Amino acid sequence: MGFLRNVLDGLLSLCAALLSLAIFAVPVWATHLAINGGLIGVWAYLALVGLIYIGGNLTIAFLRKALDGVAPLRDRKR
């Protein structure tokens, strides 16, 4: 039963990683299009880099948990 629980926890972490990637990717893409379209200035790339950094770190953290079989809201395996 412990192995199945770790697999399911890993799948939950994988879903959390995909969801966090989607949540951060949409505003990043929209900001990039707005900069290229001339709606906002080039200074917005600074905010874009920050958003990519935070979203990338969060997604990588969830992916590491998925590979280790840890649930998204836990620090260690059950």
PDB file of N, CA and C in Angstrom:
ATOM      1  N   MET A   1       0.819  -1.198   0.000  1.00  0.00           N
ATOM      2  CA  MET A   1       0.000   0.000   0.000  1.00  0.00           C
ATOM      3  C   MET A   1       0.865   1.265   0.000  1.00  0.00           C
ATOM      4  N   GLY A   2       2.055   1.190   0.608  1.00  0.00           N
ATOM      5  CA  GLY A   2       2.933   2.356   0.667  1.00  0.00           C
ATOM      6  C   GLY A   2       3.438   2.768  -0.706  1.00  0.00           C
ATOM      7  N   PHE A   3       3.729   1.773  -1.563  1.00  0.00           N
ATOM      8  CA  PHE A   3       4.215   2.079  -2.912  1.00  0.00           C
ATOM      9  C   PHE A   3       3.139   2.784  -3.723  1.00  0.00           C
ATOM     10  N   LEU A   4       1.906   2.294  -3.630  1.00  0.00           N
ATOM     11  CA  LEU A   4       0.802   2.903  -4.376  1.00  0.00           C
ATOM     12  C   LEU A   4       0.551   4.333  -3.894  1.00  0.00           C
ATOM     13  N   ARG A   5       0.669   4.544  -2.592  1.00  0.00           N
ATOM     14  CA  ARG A   5       0.478   5.885  -2.046  1.00  0.00           C
ATOM     15  C   ARG A   5       1.546   6.834  -2.588  1.00  0.00           C
ATOM     16  N   ASN A   6       2.801   6.370  -2.675  1.00  0.00           N
ATOM     17  CA  ASN A   6       3.876   7.216  -3.203  1.00  0.00           C
ATOM     18  C   ASN A   6       3.662   7.523  -4.683  1.00  0.00           C
ATOM     19  N   VAL A   7       3.156   6.559  -5.438  1.00  0.00           N
ATOM     20  CA  VAL A   7       2.882   6.794  -6.855  1.00  0.00           C
ATOM     21  C   VAL A   7       1.764   7.822  -7.012  1.00  0.00           C
ATOM     22  N   LEU A   8       0.716   7.675  -6.224  1.00  0.00           N
ATOM     23  CA  LEU A   8      -0.393   8.634  -6.306  1.00  0.00           C
ATOM     24  C   LEU A   8       0.038  10.030  -5.843  1.00  0.00           C
ATOM     25  N   ASP A   9       0.873  10.085  -4.803  1.00  0.00           N
ATOM     26  CA  ASP A   9       1.390  11.385  -4.367  1.00  0.00           C
ATOM     27  C   ASP A   9       2.268  12.014  -5.449  1.00  0.00           C
ATOM     28  N   GLY A  10       3.045  11.186  -6.143  1.00  0.00           N
ATOM     29  CA  GLY A  10       3.860  11.690  -7.241  1.00  0.00           C
ATOM     30  C   GLY A  10       3.006  12.222  -8.375  1.00  0.00           C
ATOM     31  N   LEU A  11       1.909  11.540  -8.658  1.00  0.00           N
ATOM     32  CA  LEU A  11       0.996  12.019  -9.706  1.00  0.00           C
ATOM     33  C   LEU A  11       0.342  13.345  -9.307  1.00  0.00           C
ATOM     34  N   LEU A  12       0.005  13.466  -8.033  1.00  0.00           N
ATOM     35  CA  LEU A  12      -0.551  14.740  -7.564  1.00  0.00           C
ATOM     36  C   LEU A  12       0.469  15.869  -7.711  1.00  0.00           C
ATOM     37  N   SER A  13       1.722  15.583  -7.389  1.00  0.00           N
ATOM     38  CA  SER A  13       2.759  16.604  -7.546  1.00  0.00           C
ATOM     39  C   SER A  13       2.981  16.943  -9.014  1.00  0.00           C
ATOM     40  N   LEU A  14       2.880  15.952  -9.881  1.00  0.00           N
ATOM     41  CA  LEU A  14       3.008  16.218 -11.313  1.00  0.00           C
ATOM     42  C   LEU A  14       1.869  17.102 -11.802  1.00  0.00           C
ATOM     43  N   CYS A  15       0.664  16.839 -11.340  1.00  0.00           N
ATOM     44  CA  CYS A  15      -0.473  17.701 -11.707  1.00  0.00           C
ATOM     45  C   CYS A  15      -0.271  19.117 -11.173  1.00  0.00           C
ATOM     46  N   ALA A  16       0.271  19.239  -9.965  1.00  0.00           N
ATOM     47  CA  ALA A  16       0.544  20.567  -9.406  1.00  0.00           C
ATOM     48  C   ALA A  16       1.611  21.289 -10.224  1.00  0.00           C
ATOM     49  N   ALA A  17       2.615  20.549 -10.707  1.00  0.00           N
ATOM     50  CA  ALA A  17       3.651  21.161 -11.534  1.00  0.00           C
ATOM     51  C   ALA A  17       3.075  21.653 -12.851  1.00  0.00           C
ATOM     52  N   LEU A  18       2.242  20.858 -13.477  1.00  0.00           N
ATOM     53  CA  LEU A  18       1.622  21.270 -14.746  1.00  0.00           C
ATOM     54  C   LEU A  18       0.693  22.462 -14.548  1.00  0.00           C
ATOM     55  N   LEU A  19      -0.042  22.461 -13.440  1.00  0.00           N
ATOM     56  CA  LEU A  19      -0.942  23.577 -13.156  1.00  0.00           C
ATOM     57  C   LEU A  19      -0.162  24.863 -12.880  1.00  0.00           C
ATOM     58  N   SER A  20       0.916  24.763 -12.113  1.00  0.00           N
ATOM     59  CA  SER A  20       1.709  25.963 -11.844  1.00  0.00           C
ATOM     60  C   SER A  20       2.379  26.470 -13.117  1.00  0.00           C
ATOM     61  N   LEU A  21       2.804  25.557 -13.980  1.00  0.00           N
ATOM     62  CA  LEU A  21       3.383  25.972 -15.257  1.00  0.00           C
ATOM     63  C   LEU A  21       2.353  26.716 -16.103  1.00  0.00           C
ATOM     64  N   ALA A  22       1.133  26.212 -16.138  1.00  0.00           N
ATOM     65  CA  ALA A  22       0.080  26.873 -16.913  1.00  0.00           C
ATOM     66  C   ALA A  22      -0.276  28.236 -16.316  1.00  0.00           C
ATOM     67  N   ILE A  23      -0.324  28.311 -14.997  1.00  0.00           N
ATOM     68  CA  ILE A  23      -0.695  29.568 -14.342  1.00  0.00           C
ATOM     69  C   ILE A  23       0.348  30.642 -14.599  1.00  0.00           C
ATOM     70  N   PHE A  24       1.627  30.262 -14.658  1.00  0.00           N
ATOM     71  CA  PHE A  24       2.668  31.253 -14.893  1.00  0.00           C
ATOM     72  C   PHE A  24       2.944  31.469 -16.375  1.00  0.00           C
ATOM     73  N   ALA A  25       2.686  30.492 -17.219  1.00  0.00           N
ATOM     74  CA  ALA A  25       3.019  30.619 -18.638  1.00  0.00           C
ATOM     75  C   ALA A  25       2.069  31.579 -19.367  1.00  0.00           C
ATOM     76  N   VAL A  26       0.813  31.595 -18.989  1.00  0.00           N
ATOM     77  CA  VAL A  26      -0.152  32.456 -19.687  1.00  0.00           C
ATOM     78  C   VAL A  26       0.181  33.939 -19.499  1.00  0.00           C
ATOM     79  N   PRO A  27       0.416  34.428 -18.273  1.00  0.00           N
ATOM     80  CA  PRO A  27       0.784  35.849 -18.142  1.00  0.00           C
ATOM     81  C   PRO A  27       2.137  36.181 -18.772  1.00  0.00           C
ATOM     82  N   VAL A  28       3.069  35.228 -18.741  1.00  0.00           N
ATOM     83  CA  VAL A  28       4.369  35.465 -19.380  1.00  0.00           C
ATOM     84  C   VAL A  28       4.188  35.660 -20.877  1.00  0.00           C
ATOM     85  N   TRP A  29       3.409  34.799 -21.494  1.00  0.00           N
ATOM     86  CA  TRP A  29       3.182  34.903 -22.935  1.00  0.00           C
ATOM     87  C   TRP A  29       2.424  36.192 -23.279  1.00  0.00           C
ATOM     88  N   ALA A  30       1.421  36.519 -22.481  1.00  0.00           N
ATOM     89  CA  ALA A  30       0.649  37.735 -22.748  1.00  0.00           C
ATOM     90  C   ALA A  30       1.524  38.988 -22.585  1.00  0.00           C
ATOM     91  N   THR A  31       2.397  38.987 -21.588  1.00  0.00           N
ATOM     92  CA  THR A  31       3.299  40.127 -21.407  1.00  0.00           C
ATOM     93  C   THR A  31       4.265  40.240 -22.571  1.00  0.00           C
ATOM     94  N   HIS A  32       4.778  39.125 -23.016  1.00  0.00           N
ATOM     95  CA  HIS A  32       5.686  39.137 -24.167  1.00  0.00           C
ATOM     96  C   HIS A  32       4.986  39.686 -25.412  1.00  0.00           C
ATOM     97  N   LEU A  33       3.760  39.262 -25.642  1.00  0.00           N
ATOM     98  CA  LEU A  33       3.010  39.775 -26.796  1.00  0.00           C
ATOM     99  C   LEU A  33       2.724  41.266 -26.660  1.00  0.00           C
ATOM    100  N   ALA A  34       2.441  41.713 -25.435  1.00  0.00           N
ATOM    101  CA  ALA A  34       2.167  43.133 -25.225  1.00  0.00           C
ATOM    102  C   ALA A  34       3.415  43.980 -25.466  1.00  0.00           C
ATOM    103  N   ILE A  35       4.573  43.468 -25.070  1.00  0.00           N
ATOM    104  CA  ILE A  35       5.812  44.203 -25.307  1.00  0.00           C
ATOM    105  C   ILE A  35       6.103  44.271 -26.802  1.00  0.00           C
ATOM    106  N   ASN A  36       5.957  43.145 -27.495  1.00  0.00           N
ATOM    107  CA  ASN A  36       6.213  43.132 -28.936  1.00  0.00           C
ATOM    108  C   ASN A  36       5.196  43.965 -29.710  1.00  0.00           C
ATOM    109  N   GLY A  37       3.984  44.049 -29.193  1.00  0.00           N
ATOM    110  CA  GLY A  37       2.951  44.834 -29.856  1.00  0.00           C
ATOM    111  C   GLY A  37       3.043  46.320 -29.566  1.00  0.00           C
ATOM    112  N   GLY A  38       3.910  46.714 -28.656  1.00  0.00           N
ATOM    113  CA  GLY A  38       4.087  48.122 -28.348  1.00  0.00           C
ATOM    114  C   GLY A  38       3.089  48.666 -27.345  1.00  0.00           C
ATOM    115  N   LEU A  39       2.329  47.805 -26.675  1.00  0.00           N
ATOM    116  CA  LEU A  39       1.355  48.284 -25.703  1.00  0.00           C
ATOM    117  C   LEU A  39       2.016  48.773 -24.420  1.00  0.00           C
ATOM    118  N   ILE A  40       3.108  48.129 -24.037  1.00  0.00           N
ATOM    119  CA  ILE A  40       3.858  48.554 -22.858  1.00  0.00           C
ATOM    120  C   ILE A  40       5.331  48.644 -23.232  1.00  0.00           C
ATOM    121  N   GLY A  41       6.077  49.310 -22.382  1.00  0.00           N
ATOM    122  CA  GLY A  41       7.483  49.547 -22.684  1.00  0.00           C
ATOM    123  C   GLY A  41       8.361  48.321 -22.459  1.00  0.00           C
ATOM    124  N   VAL A  42       9.602  48.484 -22.872  1.00  0.00           N
ATOM    125  CA  VAL A  42      10.577  47.400 -22.756  1.00  0.00           C
ATOM    126  C   VAL A  42      10.915  47.130 -21.291  1.00  0.00           C
ATOM    127  N   TRP A  43      10.664  48.102 -20.401  1.00  0.00           N
ATOM    128  CA  TRP A  43      10.931  47.925 -18.977  1.00  0.00           C
ATOM    129  C   TRP A  43      10.155  46.741 -18.397  1.00  0.00           C
ATOM    130  N   ALA A  44       9.072  46.338 -19.049  1.00  0.00           N
ATOM    131  CA  ALA A  44       8.254  45.237 -18.534  1.00  0.00           C
ATOM    132  C   ALA A  44       8.987  43.900 -18.603  1.00  0.00           C
ATOM    133  N   TYR A  45      10.080  43.851 -19.366  1.00  0.00           N
ATOM    134  CA  TYR A  45      10.875  42.624 -19.385  1.00  0.00           C
ATOM    135  C   TYR A  45      11.451  42.317 -18.008  1.00  0.00           C
ATOM    136  N   LEU A  46      11.683  43.330 -17.186  1.00  0.00           N
ATOM    137  CA  LEU A  46      12.161  43.087 -15.824  1.00  0.00           C
ATOM    138  C   LEU A  46      11.130  42.303 -15.014  1.00  0.00           C
ATOM    139  N   ALA A  47       9.880  42.715 -15.106  1.00  0.00           N
ATOM    140  CA  ALA A  47       8.821  41.980 -14.415  1.00  0.00           C
ATOM    141  C   ALA A  47       8.652  40.592 -15.010  1.00  0.00           C
ATOM    142  N   LEU A  48       8.835  40.491 -16.310  1.00  0.00           N
ATOM    143  CA  LEU A  48       8.715  39.204 -16.989  1.00  0.00           C
ATOM    144  C   LEU A  48       9.790  38.226 -16.513  1.00  0.00           C
ATOM    145  N   VAL A  49      11.005  38.715 -16.357  1.00  0.00           N
ATOM    146  CA  VAL A  49      12.089  37.855 -15.870  1.00  0.00           C
ATOM    147  C   VAL A  49      11.787  37.384 -14.443  1.00  0.00           C
ATOM    148  N   GLY A  50      11.272  38.268 -13.609  1.00  0.00           N
ATOM    149  CA  GLY A  50      10.897  37.876 -12.241  1.00  0.00           C
ATOM    150  C   GLY A  50       9.805  36.826 -12.223  1.00  0.00           C
ATOM    151  N   LEU A  51       8.830  36.989 -13.086  1.00  0.00           N
ATOM    152  CA  LEU A  51       7.742  36.016 -13.162  1.00  0.00           C
ATOM    153  C   LEU A  51       8.230  34.663 -13.658  1.00  0.00           C
ATOM    154  N   ILE A  52       9.129  34.677 -14.620  1.00  0.00           N
ATOM    155  CA  ILE A  52       9.701  33.422 -15.111  1.00  0.00           C
ATOM    156  C   ILE A  52      10.516  32.748 -14.014  1.00  0.00           C
ATOM    157  N   TYR A  53      11.272  33.528 -13.257  1.00  0.00           N
ATOM    158  CA  TYR A  53      12.096  32.972 -12.176  1.00  0.00           C
ATOM    159  C   TYR A  53      11.230  32.308 -11.100  1.00  0.00           C
ATOM    160  N   ILE A  54      10.195  33.001 -10.653  1.00  0.00           N
ATOM    161  CA  ILE A  54       9.333  32.460  -9.612  1.00  0.00           C
ATOM    162  C   ILE A  54       8.557  31.248 -10.122  1.00  0.00           C
ATOM    163  N   GLY A  55       7.967  31.361 -11.298  1.00  0.00           N
ATOM    164  CA  GLY A  55       7.211  30.242 -11.854  1.00  0.00           C
ATOM    165  C   GLY A  55       8.076  29.028 -12.150  1.00  0.00           C
ATOM    166  N   GLY A  56       9.294  29.273 -12.643  1.00  0.00           N
ATOM    167  CA  GLY A  56      10.201  28.166 -12.920  1.00  0.00           C
ATOM    168  C   GLY A  56      10.623  27.449 -11.654  1.00  0.00           C
ATOM    169  N   ASN A  57      10.930  28.210 -10.604  1.00  0.00           N
ATOM    170  CA  ASN A  57      11.307  27.581  -9.334  1.00  0.00           C
ATOM    171  C   ASN A  57      10.171  26.766  -8.744  1.00  0.00           C
ATOM    172  N   LEU A  58       8.968  27.293  -8.800  1.00  0.00           N
ATOM    173  CA  LEU A  58       7.826  26.563  -8.263  1.00  0.00           C
ATOM    174  C   LEU A  58       7.559  25.291  -9.056  1.00  0.00           C
ATOM    175  N   THR A  59       7.633  25.375 -10.371  1.00  0.00           N
ATOM    176  CA  THR A  59       7.400  24.204 -11.211  1.00  0.00           C
ATOM    177  C   THR A  59       8.477  23.145 -10.983  1.00  0.00           C
ATOM    178  N   ILE A  60       9.735  23.565 -10.884  1.00  0.00           N
ATOM    179  CA  ILE A  60      10.819  22.616 -10.642  1.00  0.00           C
ATOM    180  C   ILE A  60      10.675  21.958  -9.274  1.00  0.00           C
ATOM    181  N   ALA A  61      10.235  22.714  -8.274  1.00  0.00           N
ATOM    182  CA  ALA A  61      10.038  22.133  -6.945  1.00  0.00           C
ATOM    183  C   ALA A  61       8.960  21.048  -6.977  1.00  0.00           C
ATOM    184  N   PHE A  62       7.860  21.315  -7.680  1.00  0.00           N
ATOM    185  CA  PHE A  62       6.806  20.295  -7.785  1.00  0.00           C
ATOM    186  C   PHE A  62       7.278  19.090  -8.595  1.00  0.00           C
ATOM    187  N   LEU A  63       8.089  19.315  -9.622  1.00  0.00           N
ATOM    188  CA  LEU A  63       8.617  18.191 -10.402  1.00  0.00           C
ATOM    189  C   LEU A  63       9.554  17.331  -9.562  1.00  0.00           C
ATOM    190  N   ARG A  64      10.368  17.948  -8.726  1.00  0.00           N
ATOM    191  CA  ARG A  64      11.239  17.176  -7.836  1.00  0.00           C
ATOM    192  C   ARG A  64      10.421  16.344  -6.867  1.00  0.00           C
ATOM    193  N   LYS A  65       9.340  16.920  -6.344  1.00  0.00           N
ATOM    194  CA  LYS A  65       8.469  16.165  -5.452  1.00  0.00           C
ATOM    195  C   LYS A  65       7.795  15.016  -6.197  1.00  0.00           C
ATOM    196  N   ALA A  66       7.435  15.252  -7.451  1.00  0.00           N
ATOM    197  CA  ALA A  66       6.799  14.189  -8.236  1.00  0.00           C
ATOM    198  C   ALA A  66       7.765  13.032  -8.451  1.00  0.00           C
ATOM    199  N   LEU A  67       9.020  13.327  -8.728  1.00  0.00           N
ATOM    200  CA  LEU A  67      10.006  12.265  -8.931  1.00  0.00           C
ATOM    201  C   LEU A  67      10.309  11.511  -7.640  1.00  0.00           C
ATOM    202  N   ASP A  68      10.210  12.195  -6.506  1.00  0.00           N
ATOM    203  CA  ASP A  68      10.470  11.547  -5.221  1.00  0.00           C
ATOM    204  C   ASP A  68       9.241  10.851  -4.648  1.00  0.00           C
ATOM    205  N   GLY A  69       8.071  11.089  -5.222  1.00  0.00           N
ATOM    206  CA  GLY A  69       6.847  10.471  -4.729  1.00  0.00           C
ATOM    207  C   GLY A  69       6.294  11.143  -3.492  1.00  0.00           C
ATOM    208  N   VAL A  70       6.477  12.448  -3.399  1.00  0.00           N
ATOM    209  CA  VAL A  70       6.016  13.217  -2.249  1.00  0.00           C
ATOM    210  C   VAL A  70       4.790  14.024  -2.665  1.00  0.00           C
ATOM    211  N   ALA A  71       3.799  14.081  -1.781  1.00  0.00           N
ATOM    212  CA  ALA A  71       2.592  14.862  -2.060  1.00  0.00           C
ATOM    213  C   ALA A  71       2.948  16.345  -2.157  1.00  0.00           C
ATOM    214  N   PRO A  72       2.166  17.131  -2.900  1.00  0.00           N
ATOM    215  CA  PRO A  72       2.500  18.540  -3.106  1.00  0.00           C
ATOM    216  C   PRO A  72       2.569  19.377  -1.827  1.00  0.00           C
ATOM    217  N   LEU A  73       1.771  19.044  -0.821  1.00  0.00           N
ATOM    218  CA  LEU A  73       1.735  19.841   0.399  1.00  0.00           C
ATOM    219  C   LEU A  73       2.549  19.229   1.535  1.00  0.00           C
ATOM    220  N   ARG A  74       3.378  18.240   1.240  1.00  0.00           N
ATOM    221  CA  ARG A  74       4.198  17.610   2.270  1.00  0.00           C
ATOM    222  C   ARG A  74       5.668  17.839   1.981  1.00  0.00           C
ATOM    223  N   ASP A  75       6.489  17.679   3.014  1.00  0.00           N
ATOM    224  CA  ASP A  75       7.938  17.810   2.865  1.00  0.00           C
ATOM    225  C   ASP A  75       8.612  16.468   2.653  1.00  0.00           C
ATOM    226  N   ARG A  76       8.034  15.417   3.223  1.00  0.00           N
ATOM    227  CA  ARG A  76       8.628  14.074   3.130  1.00  0.00           C
ATOM    228  C   ARG A  76       7.554  13.072   2.750  1.00  0.00           C
ATOM    229  N   LYS A  77       8.009  11.864   2.396  1.00  0.00           N
ATOM    230  CA  LYS A  77       7.057  10.802   2.072  1.00  0.00           C
ATOM    231  C   LYS A  77       6.259  10.424   3.310  1.00  0.00           C
ATOM    232  N   ARG A  78       5.069   9.914   3.056  1.00  0.00           N
ATOM    233  CA  ARG A  78       4.248   9.429   4.184  1.00  0.00           C
ATOM    234  C   ARG A  78       4.711   8.069   4.599  1.00  0.00           C
TER     235      ARG A  78
END
